[in-house]
Amino acid sequence: MTYTHTATVPVGWEEAVRRTREALASQGFGILSEIDVRAVFAAKLGTEAANAVGDYVILGACNPALASRALAAEKDLGALLPCNVVVRRDADATETTIQAIDPQTMVRLSDNPAANR
């Protein structure tokens, strides 16, 4: 089962993160949280774990208008917010991967027809 939209781009890490932020902003999404997984792994698990995950950031993105509609339809959908967008790149990679959950995956989790709009 595929539950993400994935794009792999032939650009460096910093440019991919910048472009991802810009693309989200152009669609009305703000970044509510940012988790630098590599840094967390380095601090909690050591250099080996950090190097194994590579460059990896989770952006907690939110479009207030969409979030408002979702929460008005079903308060429990807040457990799925913000929408996580992952930007990742292995140490020896020449490409960077960007992933986000497929919105239809989230919709299928709810039996509420109002949440499907």
Protein backbone atom coordinates (compact mmCIF):
# COMPACT_ATOMS: atom_id res chain seq x y z
CA MET A 1 0.00 0.00 0.00
CA THR A 2 1.41 3.37 -1.00
CA TYR A 3 0.58 6.01 1.55
CA THR A 4 2.92 8.82 0.52
CA HIS A 5 3.56 11.10 -2.40
CA THR A 6 7.29 10.93 -3.11
CA ALA A 7 9.51 13.07 -5.29
CA THR A 8 13.20 12.57 -5.81
CA VAL A 9 15.05 15.62 -7.07
CA PRO A 10 18.62 16.01 -8.37
CA VAL A 11 19.46 18.92 -6.07
CA GLY A 12 21.47 19.30 -2.90
CA TRP A 13 20.11 19.01 0.60
CA GLU A 14 19.85 22.70 1.48
CA GLU A 15 18.28 23.62 -1.86
CA ALA A 16 15.73 20.80 -1.54
CA VAL A 17 14.72 21.96 1.95
CA ARG A 18 14.44 25.58 0.73
CA ARG A 19 12.37 24.61 -2.31
CA THR A 20 10.11 22.41 -0.20
CA ARG A 21 9.43 25.28 2.21
CA GLU A 22 8.71 27.60 -0.73
CA ALA A 23 6.36 25.09 -2.38
CA LEU A 24 4.45 24.59 0.87
CA ALA A 25 4.17 28.36 1.42
CA SER A 26 2.87 28.87 -2.12
CA GLN A 27 0.00 26.51 -1.28
CA GLY A 28 -0.87 28.26 1.97
CA PHE A 29 1.06 26.00 4.34
CA GLY A 30 3.14 27.29 7.20
CA ILE A 31 5.73 25.29 9.11
CA LEU A 32 4.60 24.75 12.71
CA SER A 33 7.43 22.44 13.70
CA GLU A 34 10.72 21.16 12.42
CA ILE A 35 12.54 18.07 13.59
CA ASP A 36 16.14 17.59 12.55
CA VAL A 37 16.20 13.81 12.88
CA ARG A 38 19.94 13.62 12.24
CA ALA A 39 20.65 16.04 15.10
CA VAL A 40 18.28 14.21 17.45
CA PHE A 41 19.89 10.88 16.62
CA ALA A 42 23.35 12.37 17.12
CA ALA A 43 22.40 13.75 20.54
CA LYS A 44 20.48 10.69 21.75
CA LEU A 45 22.02 7.74 19.91
CA GLY A 46 25.44 8.88 18.73
CA THR A 47 27.25 9.68 15.53
CA GLU A 48 26.81 6.24 13.99
CA ALA A 49 22.99 6.45 14.17
CA ALA A 50 23.05 10.02 12.85
CA ASN A 51 25.23 9.05 9.92
CA ALA A 52 23.03 6.04 9.17
CA VAL A 53 19.89 8.22 8.81
CA GLY A 54 21.72 10.90 6.81
CA ASP A 55 20.25 14.35 6.34
CA TYR A 56 16.64 14.02 7.45
CA VAL A 57 14.18 16.72 8.45
CA ILE A 58 10.49 16.45 9.25
CA LEU A 59 8.55 19.65 8.58
CA GLY A 60 5.22 19.91 10.38
CA ALA A 61 3.18 21.79 7.78
CA CYS A 62 -0.28 23.26 8.30
CA ASN A 63 -2.73 25.04 6.05
CA PRO A 64 -5.03 26.80 8.54
CA ALA A 65 -8.05 26.87 6.21
CA LEU A 66 -7.82 23.14 5.48
CA ALA A 67 -7.11 22.30 9.12
CA SER A 68 -10.12 24.33 10.23
CA ARG A 69 -12.41 22.49 7.80
CA ALA A 70 -11.04 19.11 8.88
CA LEU A 71 -11.42 19.83 12.59
CA ALA A 72 -14.93 21.23 12.09
CA ALA A 73 -15.88 17.95 10.40
CA GLU A 74 -14.14 15.69 12.90
CA LYS A 75 -12.19 16.82 15.95
CA ASP A 76 -10.21 13.55 16.08
CA LEU A 77 -8.45 14.47 12.84
CA GLY A 78 -6.28 16.78 14.94
CA ALA A 79 -4.25 13.67 15.81
CA LEU A 80 -3.06 13.70 12.19
CA LEU A 81 -2.01 17.37 12.26
CA PRO A 82 0.26 18.97 11.36
CA CYS A 83 0.92 17.20 8.09
CA ASN A 84 4.46 15.87 8.09
CA VAL A 85 6.66 16.53 5.10
CA VAL A 86 9.96 14.68 5.05
CA VAL A 87 13.09 15.84 3.25
CA ARG A 88 15.85 13.23 3.35
CA ARG A 89 19.15 12.43 1.74
CA ASP A 90 21.63 9.63 2.36
CA ALA A 91 25.24 10.62 2.93
CA ASP A 92 26.45 9.33 -0.44
CA ALA A 93 23.33 10.26 -2.45
CA THR A 94 23.22 12.51 -5.48
CA GLU A 95 19.47 13.11 -5.10
CA THR A 96 17.19 14.28 -2.31
CA THR A 97 13.81 12.71 -1.52
CA ILE A 98 10.74 14.65 -0.44
CA GLN A 99 7.72 12.80 0.95
CA ALA A 100 4.29 13.69 2.30
CA ILE A 101 1.33 11.58 3.25
CA ASP A 102 -1.21 11.09 0.50
CA PRO A 103 -4.26 13.12 1.62
CA GLN A 104 -6.51 10.26 0.51
CA THR A 105 -4.82 8.07 3.12
CA MET A 106 -5.94 10.50 5.80
CA VAL A 107 -9.46 10.69 4.36
CA ARG A 108 -9.77 6.89 4.35
CA LEU A 109 -9.09 6.87 8.09
CA SER A 110 -12.36 8.68 8.78
CA ASP A 111 -15.86 7.32 8.33
CA ASN A 112 -17.24 10.87 8.45
CA PRO A 113 -18.41 11.97 4.95
CA ALA A 114 -17.84 15.64 5.90
CA ALA A 115 -14.13 14.90 6.37
CA ASN A 116 -13.91 13.66 2.79
CA ARG A 117 -14.55 17.08 1.25
